[in-house]
Amino acid sequence: MYTEDDLLMLSALQHLLFCPRQCALIHLEQAWTENRFTAEGRVLHERVHTAATDSRCTVRVEYDMPLRSLRLGLSGRADIVEMHQQEDSSWLPFPVEYKRGRPKKDDTDRVQLCAQALCLEEMLDCTVPEGALYYGQKNRRTPVQFDDRLRRVTEEAAGRLHELLSGTVTPAPEYSRRCESCSFIDTCLPRTAGKKNQVRNYMTRMTQS
């Protein structure tokens, strides 16, 4: 169990799964650069967070809701948490996270949403079985089931996040297709800096063998 002083930003999970180096640059080195994608995402979230509460029959909507989990050592804010009234009059949380682009094949967005659900479960002593990701380019929601696999991946990611950010070493750049959409690509230089590291690692292995 973590303490309040140990809490890390919940959104850092997405940065970690996208790229550990990007995560360390943002959360260890406090660096930030913005490109069109990050700017569009920021504007989208600002628009969502300007609302306060809403109510529609059996659904109450909370915007920009604070979240925390001492078990995972995470804190953050949910774009939207809908409270769905059940037949027994109890209320079931349903988190909704806004994203600017399209649904992804990997778990980066789903893990961030699942972490929000795990925070809600710990805070409200309940079970949150599902939520949704709203993608701006598709202009519709994608439902997400918080099954055992996704919960396990999320908990493991939270552990790796604490391990990465408890140190002082930023991982070396390593080029992948994802780098083309990263706002740090011009400062990170993964194509050239990554090659330098490959050569350095090769020379180290050769001299030590």
N, C-alpha and C. Protein backbone atom coordinates (compact mmCIF):
# COMPACT_ATOMS: atom_id res chain seq x y z
N MET A 1 0.84 -1.19 0.00
CA MET A 1 0.00 0.00 0.00
C MET A 1 0.89 1.25 0.00
N TYR A 2 0.58 2.18 -0.86
CA TYR A 2 1.37 3.40 -0.97
C TYR A 2 0.80 4.49 -0.04
N THR A 3 1.58 5.53 0.17
CA THR A 3 1.12 6.68 0.95
C THR A 3 0.77 7.82 -0.01
N GLU A 4 0.19 8.88 0.55
CA GLU A 4 -0.17 10.04 -0.28
C GLU A 4 1.06 10.62 -0.98
N ASP A 5 2.20 10.57 -0.31
CA ASP A 5 3.42 11.14 -0.89
C ASP A 5 3.95 10.30 -2.06
N ASP A 6 3.50 9.06 -2.16
CA ASP A 6 4.00 8.17 -3.21
C ASP A 6 3.18 8.24 -4.49
N LEU A 7 2.04 8.93 -4.45
CA LEU A 7 1.11 8.87 -5.57
C LEU A 7 1.70 9.46 -6.84
N LEU A 8 1.52 8.74 -7.95
CA LEU A 8 1.95 9.20 -9.27
C LEU A 8 0.74 9.54 -10.11
N MET A 9 0.96 10.34 -11.15
CA MET A 9 -0.15 10.74 -12.01
C MET A 9 -0.70 9.54 -12.77
N LEU A 10 -1.98 9.37 -12.69
CA LEU A 10 -2.63 8.25 -13.38
C LEU A 10 -2.39 8.30 -14.89
N SER A 11 -2.38 9.49 -15.45
CA SER A 11 -2.20 9.64 -16.90
C SER A 11 -0.81 9.17 -17.35
N ALA A 12 0.13 9.06 -16.39
CA ALA A 12 1.48 8.62 -16.76
C ALA A 12 1.49 7.17 -17.23
N LEU A 13 0.46 6.42 -16.86
CA LEU A 13 0.38 5.04 -17.34
C LEU A 13 0.35 4.99 -18.86
N GLN A 14 -0.42 5.89 -19.45
CA GLN A 14 -0.51 5.92 -20.92
C GLN A 14 0.84 6.31 -21.52
N HIS A 15 1.52 7.28 -20.89
CA HIS A 15 2.85 7.67 -21.38
C HIS A 15 3.81 6.48 -21.31
N LEU A 16 3.75 5.72 -20.20
CA LEU A 16 4.64 4.57 -20.03
C LEU A 16 4.41 3.53 -21.12
N LEU A 17 3.15 3.21 -21.38
CA LEU A 17 2.86 2.17 -22.36
C LEU A 17 3.14 2.64 -23.78
N PHE A 18 3.01 3.95 -24.02
CA PHE A 18 3.34 4.49 -25.33
C PHE A 18 4.85 4.46 -25.55
N CYS A 19 5.61 4.89 -24.53
CA CYS A 19 7.08 4.92 -24.63
C CYS A 19 7.66 5.23 -23.25
N PRO A 20 8.45 4.33 -22.65
CA PRO A 20 9.05 4.60 -21.34
C PRO A 20 9.93 5.86 -21.35
N ARG A 21 10.61 6.12 -22.48
CA ARG A 21 11.45 7.33 -22.53
C ARG A 21 10.58 8.59 -22.47
N GLN A 22 9.47 8.60 -23.24
CA GLN A 22 8.58 9.76 -23.19
C GLN A 22 8.06 9.95 -21.76
N CYS A 23 7.70 8.85 -21.10
CA CYS A 23 7.21 8.91 -19.72
C CYS A 23 8.24 9.54 -18.79
N ALA A 24 9.50 9.10 -18.93
CA ALA A 24 10.56 9.63 -18.06
C ALA A 24 10.85 11.09 -18.37
N LEU A 25 10.83 11.47 -19.66
CA LEU A 25 11.07 12.87 -20.02
C LEU A 25 10.02 13.78 -19.37
N ILE A 26 8.76 13.34 -19.39
CA ILE A 26 7.68 14.16 -18.85
C ILE A 26 7.69 14.16 -17.32
N HIS A 27 7.82 12.97 -16.71
CA HIS A 27 7.58 12.87 -15.27
C HIS A 27 8.86 12.86 -14.44
N LEU A 28 10.00 12.54 -15.04
CA LEU A 28 11.27 12.64 -14.31
C LEU A 28 11.97 13.97 -14.60
N GLU A 29 12.02 14.34 -15.88
CA GLU A 29 12.76 15.54 -16.27
C GLU A 29 11.86 16.76 -16.40
N GLN A 30 10.54 16.57 -16.19
CA GLN A 30 9.58 17.68 -16.25
C GLN A 30 9.66 18.42 -17.59
N ALA A 31 9.89 17.67 -18.66
CA ALA A 31 9.97 18.26 -20.00
C ALA A 31 8.60 18.16 -20.67
N TRP A 32 8.35 19.07 -21.60
CA TRP A 32 7.10 19.00 -22.35
C TRP A 32 7.25 19.74 -23.66
N THR A 33 6.81 19.15 -24.72
CA THR A 33 6.70 19.82 -26.01
C THR A 33 5.33 19.50 -26.58
N GLU A 34 4.82 20.40 -27.38
CA GLU A 34 3.46 20.20 -27.89
C GLU A 34 3.48 20.16 -29.41
N ASN A 35 2.72 19.25 -29.98
CA ASN A 35 2.51 19.23 -31.42
C ASN A 35 1.00 19.32 -31.68
N ARG A 36 0.60 19.16 -32.93
CA ARG A 36 -0.82 19.29 -33.26
C ARG A 36 -1.67 18.29 -32.48
N PHE A 37 -1.16 17.06 -32.32
CA PHE A 37 -1.95 16.03 -31.65
C PHE A 37 -2.17 16.36 -30.17
N THR A 38 -1.11 16.80 -29.48
CA THR A 38 -1.26 17.11 -28.07
C THR A 38 -2.12 18.36 -27.88
N ALA A 39 -1.99 19.33 -28.80
CA ALA A 39 -2.80 20.55 -28.70
C ALA A 39 -4.29 20.23 -28.87
N GLU A 40 -4.60 19.38 -29.85
CA GLU A 40 -6.00 19.01 -30.06
C GLU A 40 -6.54 18.23 -28.87
N GLY A 41 -5.72 17.37 -28.29
CA GLY A 41 -6.15 16.63 -27.12
C GLY A 41 -6.37 17.54 -25.92
N ARG A 42 -5.49 18.53 -25.75
CA ARG A 42 -5.63 19.47 -24.62
C ARG A 42 -6.92 20.27 -24.75
N VAL A 43 -7.20 20.76 -25.96
CA VAL A 43 -8.43 21.54 -26.18
C VAL A 43 -9.67 20.69 -25.91
N LEU A 44 -9.63 19.42 -26.35
CA LEU A 44 -10.76 18.52 -26.12
C LEU A 44 -11.02 18.33 -24.63
N HIS A 45 -9.94 18.10 -23.86
CA HIS A 45 -10.11 17.89 -22.42
C HIS A 45 -10.56 19.17 -21.72
N GLU A 46 -10.04 20.31 -22.14
CA GLU A 46 -10.47 21.57 -21.52
C GLU A 46 -11.96 21.80 -21.73
N ARG A 47 -12.45 21.42 -22.91
CA ARG A 47 -13.88 21.60 -23.20
C ARG A 47 -14.72 20.69 -22.30
N VAL A 48 -14.26 19.47 -22.07
CA VAL A 48 -14.99 18.55 -21.21
C VAL A 48 -14.98 19.02 -19.77
N HIS A 49 -13.82 19.52 -19.32
CA HIS A 49 -13.65 19.85 -17.91
C HIS A 49 -14.33 21.15 -17.51
N THR A 50 -14.83 21.93 -18.46
CA THR A 50 -15.51 23.18 -18.10
C THR A 50 -16.91 22.90 -17.56
N ALA A 51 -17.45 21.72 -17.83
CA ALA A 51 -18.76 21.37 -17.27
C ALA A 51 -18.60 20.98 -15.80
N ALA A 52 -19.69 20.96 -15.07
CA ALA A 52 -19.64 20.64 -13.64
C ALA A 52 -20.38 19.34 -13.36
N THR A 53 -21.68 19.38 -13.31
CA THR A 53 -22.48 18.17 -13.10
C THR A 53 -23.67 18.19 -14.05
N ASP A 54 -24.26 17.06 -14.25
CA ASP A 54 -25.42 16.96 -15.12
C ASP A 54 -26.27 15.80 -14.59
N SER A 55 -27.55 15.83 -14.90
CA SER A 55 -28.43 14.77 -14.42
C SER A 55 -29.48 14.48 -15.48
N ARG A 56 -29.63 13.19 -15.81
CA ARG A 56 -30.63 12.79 -16.80
C ARG A 56 -31.32 11.53 -16.28
N CYS A 57 -32.49 11.68 -15.69
CA CYS A 57 -33.29 10.56 -15.19
C CYS A 57 -32.45 9.66 -14.26
N THR A 58 -32.04 8.49 -14.77
CA THR A 58 -31.32 7.55 -13.91
C THR A 58 -29.81 7.65 -14.09
N VAL A 59 -29.33 8.74 -14.70
CA VAL A 59 -27.89 8.92 -14.88
C VAL A 59 -27.46 10.30 -14.37
N ARG A 60 -26.51 10.30 -13.46
CA ARG A 60 -25.88 11.55 -13.02
C ARG A 60 -24.47 11.60 -13.61
N VAL A 61 -24.06 12.77 -14.03
CA VAL A 61 -22.77 12.91 -14.69
C VAL A 61 -21.87 13.85 -13.89
N GLU A 62 -20.69 13.36 -13.51
CA GLU A 62 -19.68 14.16 -12.82
C GLU A 62 -18.52 14.41 -13.77
N TYR A 63 -18.16 15.67 -13.96
CA TYR A 63 -17.06 16.03 -14.86
C TYR A 63 -15.80 16.33 -14.03
N ASP A 64 -14.64 15.98 -14.61
CA ASP A 64 -13.35 16.31 -13.99
C ASP A 64 -13.28 15.80 -12.54
N MET A 65 -13.65 14.57 -12.34
CA MET A 65 -13.76 14.00 -10.98
C MET A 65 -12.39 13.56 -10.47
N PRO A 66 -11.99 13.98 -9.26
CA PRO A 66 -10.70 13.54 -8.71
C PRO A 66 -10.73 12.07 -8.32
N LEU A 67 -9.60 11.38 -8.57
CA LEU A 67 -9.50 9.94 -8.30
C LEU A 67 -8.22 9.65 -7.52
N ARG A 68 -8.23 8.52 -6.79
CA ARG A 68 -7.03 8.13 -6.06
C ARG A 68 -7.10 6.65 -5.72
N SER A 69 -5.94 6.01 -5.79
CA SER A 69 -5.83 4.62 -5.32
C SER A 69 -4.51 4.48 -4.55
N LEU A 70 -4.61 4.17 -3.27
CA LEU A 70 -3.40 3.93 -2.48
C LEU A 70 -2.83 2.55 -2.80
N ARG A 71 -3.68 1.63 -3.25
CA ARG A 71 -3.19 0.29 -3.60
C ARG A 71 -2.28 0.35 -4.82
N LEU A 72 -2.67 1.14 -5.82
CA LEU A 72 -1.85 1.27 -7.03
C LEU A 72 -0.87 2.44 -6.95
N GLY A 73 -1.07 3.34 -5.98
CA GLY A 73 -0.20 4.51 -5.88
C GLY A 73 -0.42 5.51 -6.99
N LEU A 74 -1.68 5.74 -7.33
CA LEU A 74 -2.03 6.62 -8.44
C LEU A 74 -3.07 7.65 -8.02
N SER A 75 -3.03 8.81 -8.65
CA SER A 75 -4.09 9.81 -8.48
C SER A 75 -4.24 10.56 -9.79
N GLY A 76 -5.40 11.13 -10.00
CA GLY A 76 -5.65 11.87 -11.23
C GLY A 76 -7.07 12.37 -11.27
N ARG A 77 -7.56 12.64 -12.45
CA ARG A 77 -8.92 13.13 -12.63
C ARG A 77 -9.56 12.39 -13.81
N ALA A 78 -10.81 12.03 -13.65
CA ALA A 78 -11.56 11.40 -14.73
C ALA A 78 -12.28 12.49 -15.53
N ASP A 79 -12.24 12.38 -16.85
CA ASP A 79 -12.98 13.34 -17.67
C ASP A 79 -14.45 13.33 -17.28
N ILE A 80 -15.04 12.16 -17.27
CA ILE A 80 -16.45 12.00 -16.91
C ILE A 80 -16.62 10.71 -16.12
N VAL A 81 -17.41 10.78 -15.06
CA VAL A 81 -17.88 9.56 -14.39
C VAL A 81 -19.40 9.64 -14.36
N GLU A 82 -20.02 8.74 -15.09
CA GLU A 82 -21.49 8.65 -15.05
C GLU A 82 -21.88 7.73 -13.91
N MET A 83 -22.90 8.12 -13.18
CA MET A 83 -23.43 7.27 -12.12
C MET A 83 -24.77 6.74 -12.60
N HIS A 84 -24.82 5.43 -12.87
CA HIS A 84 -26.02 4.80 -13.40
C HIS A 84 -26.84 4.19 -12.25
N GLN A 85 -28.06 4.62 -12.12
CA GLN A 85 -28.91 4.08 -11.05
C GLN A 85 -29.39 2.68 -11.41
N GLN A 86 -29.23 1.76 -10.46
CA GLN A 86 -29.62 0.36 -10.66
C GLN A 86 -31.04 0.12 -10.16
N GLU A 87 -31.55 -1.08 -10.44
CA GLU A 87 -32.92 -1.41 -10.04
C GLU A 87 -33.12 -1.36 -8.53
N ASP A 88 -32.03 -1.64 -7.78
CA ASP A 88 -32.15 -1.59 -6.32
C ASP A 88 -31.87 -0.19 -5.77
N SER A 89 -31.83 0.82 -6.68
CA SER A 89 -31.62 2.24 -6.34
C SER A 89 -30.17 2.58 -6.02
N SER A 90 -29.26 1.60 -6.07
CA SER A 90 -27.84 1.92 -5.88
C SER A 90 -27.31 2.57 -7.17
N TRP A 91 -26.09 3.16 -7.07
CA TRP A 91 -25.50 3.86 -8.21
C TRP A 91 -24.22 3.17 -8.64
N LEU A 92 -24.10 2.89 -9.92
CA LEU A 92 -22.94 2.19 -10.46
C LEU A 92 -22.08 3.16 -11.28
N PRO A 93 -20.80 3.36 -10.88
CA PRO A 93 -19.94 4.28 -11.64
C PRO A 93 -19.61 3.74 -13.03
N PHE A 94 -19.50 4.65 -13.99
CA PHE A 94 -19.19 4.29 -15.38
C PHE A 94 -18.25 5.39 -15.92
N PRO A 95 -16.92 5.15 -15.86
CA PRO A 95 -15.98 6.20 -16.30
C PRO A 95 -15.92 6.32 -17.82
N VAL A 96 -15.76 7.56 -18.29
CA VAL A 96 -15.64 7.84 -19.72
C VAL A 96 -14.42 8.74 -19.92
N GLU A 97 -13.47 8.29 -20.74
CA GLU A 97 -12.26 9.05 -21.02
C GLU A 97 -12.30 9.56 -22.46
N TYR A 98 -12.00 10.84 -22.66
CA TYR A 98 -12.03 11.45 -23.99
C TYR A 98 -10.65 11.39 -24.64
N LYS A 99 -10.61 10.97 -25.91
CA LYS A 99 -9.39 10.93 -26.69
C LYS A 99 -9.64 11.60 -28.04
N ARG A 100 -8.62 12.27 -28.56
CA ARG A 100 -8.80 13.04 -29.78
C ARG A 100 -8.86 12.17 -31.05
N GLY A 101 -8.18 11.05 -31.05
CA GLY A 101 -7.97 10.30 -32.29
C GLY A 101 -8.98 9.20 -32.53
N ARG A 102 -8.46 8.04 -32.91
CA ARG A 102 -9.28 6.86 -33.20
C ARG A 102 -8.95 5.75 -32.22
N PRO A 103 -9.82 4.74 -32.13
CA PRO A 103 -9.51 3.58 -31.25
C PRO A 103 -8.18 2.94 -31.62
N LYS A 104 -7.42 2.55 -30.60
CA LYS A 104 -6.10 1.96 -30.80
C LYS A 104 -6.15 0.45 -30.65
N LYS A 105 -5.22 -0.23 -31.33
CA LYS A 105 -5.14 -1.68 -31.21
C LYS A 105 -4.48 -2.09 -29.90
N ASP A 106 -3.61 -1.22 -29.37
CA ASP A 106 -2.91 -1.58 -28.14
C ASP A 106 -3.74 -1.18 -26.91
N ASP A 107 -3.16 -1.41 -25.72
CA ASP A 107 -3.89 -1.21 -24.47
C ASP A 107 -3.70 0.16 -23.84
N THR A 108 -2.98 1.07 -24.49
CA THR A 108 -2.61 2.32 -23.81
C THR A 108 -3.82 3.07 -23.26
N ASP A 109 -4.84 3.28 -24.07
CA ASP A 109 -6.03 4.02 -23.61
C ASP A 109 -6.86 3.18 -22.64
N ARG A 110 -6.96 1.88 -22.92
CA ARG A 110 -7.79 1.01 -22.07
C ARG A 110 -7.19 0.89 -20.67
N VAL A 111 -5.86 0.87 -20.58
CA VAL A 111 -5.22 0.78 -19.26
C VAL A 111 -5.49 2.06 -18.46
N GLN A 112 -5.42 3.22 -19.08
CA GLN A 112 -5.70 4.47 -18.37
C GLN A 112 -7.13 4.46 -17.83
N LEU A 113 -8.07 4.00 -18.66
CA LEU A 113 -9.47 3.95 -18.24
C LEU A 113 -9.66 2.92 -17.13
N CYS A 114 -9.02 1.76 -17.26
CA CYS A 114 -9.14 0.72 -16.25
C CYS A 114 -8.58 1.21 -14.91
N ALA A 115 -7.49 1.96 -14.95
CA ALA A 115 -6.93 2.51 -13.72
C ALA A 115 -7.93 3.45 -13.05
N GLN A 116 -8.67 4.21 -13.84
CA GLN A 116 -9.72 5.06 -13.27
C GLN A 116 -10.77 4.20 -12.58
N ALA A 117 -11.14 3.09 -13.22
CA ALA A 117 -12.14 2.19 -12.62
C ALA A 117 -11.63 1.60 -11.31
N LEU A 118 -10.36 1.21 -11.27
CA LEU A 118 -9.79 0.64 -10.05
C LEU A 118 -9.76 1.68 -8.93
N CYS A 119 -9.50 2.94 -9.28
CA CYS A 119 -9.56 4.02 -8.29
C CYS A 119 -10.98 4.16 -7.74
N LEU A 120 -11.97 4.15 -8.64
CA LEU A 120 -13.36 4.29 -8.21
C LEU A 120 -13.77 3.13 -7.30
N GLU A 121 -13.32 1.93 -7.65
CA GLU A 121 -13.67 0.76 -6.82
C GLU A 121 -13.11 0.92 -5.41
N GLU A 122 -11.86 1.41 -5.33
CA GLU A 122 -11.25 1.58 -4.00
C GLU A 122 -11.90 2.73 -3.24
N MET A 123 -12.22 3.82 -3.92
CA MET A 123 -12.79 4.99 -3.25
C MET A 123 -14.23 4.75 -2.80
N LEU A 124 -15.00 4.05 -3.63
CA LEU A 124 -16.44 3.91 -3.38
C LEU A 124 -16.83 2.51 -2.90
N ASP A 125 -15.82 1.62 -2.74
CA ASP A 125 -16.07 0.27 -2.25
C ASP A 125 -17.15 -0.42 -3.08
N CYS A 126 -16.89 -0.49 -4.37
CA CYS A 126 -17.87 -1.08 -5.29
C CYS A 126 -17.11 -1.82 -6.39
N THR A 127 -17.82 -2.41 -7.33
CA THR A 127 -17.23 -3.03 -8.50
C THR A 127 -17.63 -2.25 -9.74
N VAL A 128 -16.65 -1.92 -10.58
CA VAL A 128 -16.92 -1.17 -11.81
C VAL A 128 -16.62 -2.11 -12.98
N PRO A 129 -17.63 -2.68 -13.62
CA PRO A 129 -17.38 -3.70 -14.64
C PRO A 129 -17.02 -3.14 -16.01
N GLU A 130 -17.43 -1.91 -16.32
CA GLU A 130 -17.17 -1.38 -17.66
C GLU A 130 -17.18 0.14 -17.68
N GLY A 131 -16.61 0.67 -18.77
CA GLY A 131 -16.58 2.11 -19.01
C GLY A 131 -16.53 2.33 -20.51
N ALA A 132 -16.09 3.52 -20.93
CA ALA A 132 -16.06 3.79 -22.37
C ALA A 132 -14.98 4.81 -22.69
N LEU A 133 -14.43 4.69 -23.90
CA LEU A 133 -13.50 5.67 -24.45
C LEU A 133 -14.23 6.42 -25.56
N TYR A 134 -14.22 7.75 -25.48
CA TYR A 134 -14.85 8.56 -26.52
C TYR A 134 -13.75 9.10 -27.43
N TYR A 135 -13.79 8.74 -28.72
CA TYR A 135 -12.77 9.18 -29.66
C TYR A 135 -13.32 10.30 -30.55
N GLY A 136 -12.60 11.44 -30.56
CA GLY A 136 -13.07 12.62 -31.28
C GLY A 136 -13.21 12.40 -32.77
N GLN A 137 -12.26 11.67 -33.39
CA GLN A 137 -12.33 11.48 -34.84
C GLN A 137 -13.48 10.57 -35.24
N LYS A 138 -13.85 9.64 -34.36
CA LYS A 138 -14.97 8.76 -34.65
C LYS A 138 -16.28 9.36 -34.14
N ASN A 139 -16.16 10.31 -33.20
CA ASN A 139 -17.31 10.99 -32.62
C ASN A 139 -18.30 10.01 -32.01
N ARG A 140 -17.76 8.99 -31.35
CA ARG A 140 -18.63 8.03 -30.67
C ARG A 140 -17.83 7.27 -29.62
N ARG A 141 -18.55 6.59 -28.76
CA ARG A 141 -17.92 5.85 -27.68
C ARG A 141 -17.54 4.42 -28.10
N THR A 142 -16.43 3.95 -27.51
CA THR A 142 -16.04 2.55 -27.63
C THR A 142 -16.13 1.93 -26.24
N PRO A 143 -17.00 0.94 -26.04
CA PRO A 143 -17.13 0.34 -24.70
C PRO A 143 -15.88 -0.46 -24.33
N VAL A 144 -15.54 -0.47 -23.05
CA VAL A 144 -14.38 -1.21 -22.54
C VAL A 144 -14.81 -2.03 -21.34
N GLN A 145 -14.60 -3.34 -21.42
CA GLN A 145 -14.88 -4.24 -20.30
C GLN A 145 -13.62 -4.38 -19.44
N PHE A 146 -13.78 -4.21 -18.14
CA PHE A 146 -12.63 -4.33 -17.24
C PHE A 146 -12.52 -5.79 -16.78
N ASP A 147 -12.02 -6.62 -17.71
CA ASP A 147 -11.90 -8.04 -17.41
C ASP A 147 -10.60 -8.32 -16.65
N ASP A 148 -10.40 -9.58 -16.29
CA ASP A 148 -9.24 -9.95 -15.47
C ASP A 148 -7.93 -9.61 -16.17
N ARG A 149 -7.87 -9.84 -17.50
CA ARG A 149 -6.63 -9.56 -18.23
C ARG A 149 -6.28 -8.08 -18.18
N LEU A 150 -7.26 -7.20 -18.47
CA LEU A 150 -6.99 -5.77 -18.48
C LEU A 150 -6.64 -5.26 -17.08
N ARG A 151 -7.30 -5.80 -16.06
CA ARG A 151 -6.96 -5.41 -14.68
C ARG A 151 -5.52 -5.81 -14.34
N ARG A 152 -5.12 -7.01 -14.78
CA ARG A 152 -3.77 -7.47 -14.50
C ARG A 152 -2.74 -6.60 -15.23
N VAL A 153 -3.01 -6.29 -16.50
CA VAL A 153 -2.09 -5.44 -17.27
C VAL A 153 -1.98 -4.06 -16.63
N THR A 154 -3.09 -3.54 -16.13
CA THR A 154 -3.09 -2.21 -15.51
C THR A 154 -2.29 -2.22 -14.21
N GLU A 155 -2.49 -3.24 -13.40
CA GLU A 155 -1.76 -3.32 -12.13
C GLU A 155 -0.26 -3.49 -12.38
N GLU A 156 0.10 -4.29 -13.38
CA GLU A 156 1.52 -4.47 -13.71
C GLU A 156 2.12 -3.16 -14.23
N ALA A 157 1.34 -2.42 -15.02
CA ALA A 157 1.84 -1.14 -15.53
C ALA A 157 2.05 -0.15 -14.39
N ALA A 158 1.15 -0.14 -13.41
CA ALA A 158 1.32 0.75 -12.26
C ALA A 158 2.61 0.41 -11.51
N GLY A 159 2.91 -0.87 -11.36
CA GLY A 159 4.14 -1.28 -10.70
C GLY A 159 5.38 -0.84 -11.48
N ARG A 160 5.34 -1.01 -12.81
CA ARG A 160 6.48 -0.60 -13.64
C ARG A 160 6.64 0.91 -13.63
N LEU A 161 5.52 1.65 -13.53
CA LEU A 161 5.60 3.11 -13.48
C LEU A 161 6.32 3.56 -12.21
N HIS A 162 5.99 2.96 -11.08
CA HIS A 162 6.67 3.32 -9.83
C HIS A 162 8.16 2.96 -9.90
N GLU A 163 8.45 1.81 -10.52
CA GLU A 163 9.86 1.40 -10.64
C GLU A 163 10.64 2.39 -11.50
N LEU A 164 10.04 2.82 -12.62
CA LEU A 164 10.72 3.76 -13.52
C LEU A 164 10.93 5.12 -12.86
N LEU A 165 9.87 5.64 -12.22
CA LEU A 165 9.94 7.01 -11.69
C LEU A 165 10.57 7.09 -10.30
N SER A 166 10.88 5.93 -9.70
CA SER A 166 11.63 5.96 -8.43
C SER A 166 13.12 6.12 -8.70
N GLY A 167 13.55 5.95 -9.95
CA GLY A 167 14.95 6.09 -10.32
C GLY A 167 15.26 7.47 -10.87
N THR A 168 16.43 7.60 -11.44
CA THR A 168 16.84 8.89 -12.00
C THR A 168 17.31 8.75 -13.44
N VAL A 169 17.13 7.57 -14.01
CA VAL A 169 17.66 7.30 -15.35
C VAL A 169 16.54 7.33 -16.38
N THR A 170 16.69 8.18 -17.39
CA THR A 170 15.76 8.22 -18.51
C THR A 170 16.18 7.19 -19.55
N PRO A 171 15.29 6.29 -19.94
CA PRO A 171 15.67 5.27 -20.94
C PRO A 171 16.19 5.90 -22.23
N ALA A 172 17.08 5.19 -22.89
CA ALA A 172 17.64 5.68 -24.15
C ALA A 172 16.58 5.65 -25.25
N PRO A 173 16.72 6.53 -26.26
CA PRO A 173 15.74 6.53 -27.36
C PRO A 173 15.82 5.25 -28.17
N GLU A 174 14.69 4.82 -28.63
CA GLU A 174 14.61 3.62 -29.47
C GLU A 174 13.50 3.86 -30.48
N TYR A 175 13.88 3.95 -31.76
CA TYR A 175 12.91 4.35 -32.79
C TYR A 175 11.87 3.27 -33.06
N SER A 176 10.62 3.73 -33.20
CA SER A 176 9.53 2.88 -33.66
C SER A 176 8.55 3.77 -34.43
N ARG A 177 7.57 3.17 -35.07
CA ARG A 177 6.60 3.96 -35.83
C ARG A 177 5.87 4.97 -34.95
N ARG A 178 5.72 4.66 -33.66
CA ARG A 178 5.04 5.57 -32.75
C ARG A 178 5.75 6.92 -32.65
N CYS A 179 7.06 6.91 -32.87
CA CYS A 179 7.84 8.15 -32.72
C CYS A 179 7.32 9.24 -33.65
N GLU A 180 6.75 8.86 -34.80
CA GLU A 180 6.30 9.85 -35.77
C GLU A 180 5.14 10.69 -35.25
N SER A 181 4.41 10.20 -34.27
CA SER A 181 3.30 10.98 -33.70
C SER A 181 3.65 11.60 -32.36
N CYS A 182 4.89 11.40 -31.90
CA CYS A 182 5.31 11.89 -30.58
C CYS A 182 5.77 13.35 -30.67
N SER A 183 5.36 14.18 -29.72
CA SER A 183 5.75 15.59 -29.72
C SER A 183 7.23 15.78 -29.41
N PHE A 184 7.89 14.74 -28.88
CA PHE A 184 9.31 14.86 -28.52
C PHE A 184 10.25 14.45 -29.65
N ILE A 185 9.73 14.10 -30.81
CA ILE A 185 10.59 13.49 -31.82
C ILE A 185 11.73 14.41 -32.25
N ASP A 186 11.51 15.73 -32.28
CA ASP A 186 12.56 16.65 -32.72
C ASP A 186 13.65 16.85 -31.67
N THR A 187 13.34 16.62 -30.41
CA THR A 187 14.35 16.75 -29.36
C THR A 187 14.92 15.39 -28.96
N CYS A 188 14.12 14.35 -29.12
CA CYS A 188 14.55 13.00 -28.77
C CYS A 188 15.48 12.41 -29.84
N LEU A 189 15.20 12.73 -31.13
CA LEU A 189 15.99 12.25 -32.26
C LEU A 189 16.20 10.74 -32.20
N PRO A 190 15.13 9.94 -32.17
CA PRO A 190 15.29 8.50 -31.96
C PRO A 190 16.00 7.79 -33.09
N ARG A 191 15.91 8.32 -34.33
CA ARG A 191 16.57 7.63 -35.45
C ARG A 191 18.09 7.70 -35.31
N THR A 192 18.61 8.88 -34.99
CA THR A 192 20.07 9.05 -34.91
C THR A 192 20.61 8.70 -33.54
N ALA A 193 19.96 9.17 -32.47
CA ALA A 193 20.44 8.88 -31.12
C ALA A 193 20.33 7.40 -30.82
N GLY A 194 19.26 6.76 -31.32
CA GLY A 194 19.11 5.33 -31.10
C GLY A 194 20.22 4.54 -31.75
N LYS A 195 20.63 4.98 -32.97
CA LYS A 195 21.72 4.28 -33.66
C LYS A 195 23.02 4.43 -32.90
N LYS A 196 23.26 5.63 -32.33
CA LYS A 196 24.48 5.83 -31.56
C LYS A 196 24.55 4.85 -30.40
N ASN A 197 23.41 4.67 -29.74
CA ASN A 197 23.40 3.75 -28.61
C ASN A 197 23.62 2.32 -29.06
N GLN A 198 23.08 1.97 -30.26
CA GLN A 198 23.30 0.63 -30.76
C GLN A 198 24.78 0.39 -31.01
N VAL A 199 25.46 1.40 -31.61
CA VAL A 199 26.90 1.28 -31.86
C VAL A 199 27.67 1.19 -30.55
N ARG A 200 27.27 2.04 -29.56
CA ARG A 200 27.96 2.01 -28.27
C ARG A 200 27.78 0.65 -27.59
N ASN A 201 26.57 0.12 -27.66
CA ASN A 201 26.33 -1.18 -27.04
C ASN A 201 27.11 -2.28 -27.75
N TYR A 202 27.21 -2.18 -29.09
CA TYR A 202 27.98 -3.17 -29.85
C TYR A 202 29.46 -3.13 -29.47
N MET A 203 30.00 -1.91 -29.39
CA MET A 203 31.42 -1.77 -29.04
C MET A 203 31.67 -2.27 -27.62
N THR A 204 30.73 -2.00 -26.71
CA THR A 204 30.89 -2.48 -25.33
C THR A 204 30.93 -3.99 -25.28
N ARG A 205 30.01 -4.62 -26.04
CA ARG A 205 29.99 -6.09 -26.05
C ARG A 205 31.26 -6.65 -26.65
N MET A 206 31.75 -6.00 -27.73
CA MET A 206 32.95 -6.50 -28.38
C MET A 206 34.18 -6.38 -27.50
N THR A 207 34.30 -5.27 -26.77
CA THR A 207 35.48 -5.06 -25.94
C THR A 207 35.45 -5.90 -24.68
N GLN A 208 34.24 -6.32 -24.26
CA GLN A 208 34.13 -7.11 -23.04
C GLN A 208 34.17 -8.60 -23.31
N SER A 209 34.06 -8.99 -24.60
CA SER A 209 34.02 -10.43 -24.92
C SER A 209 35.44 -10.99 -25.02
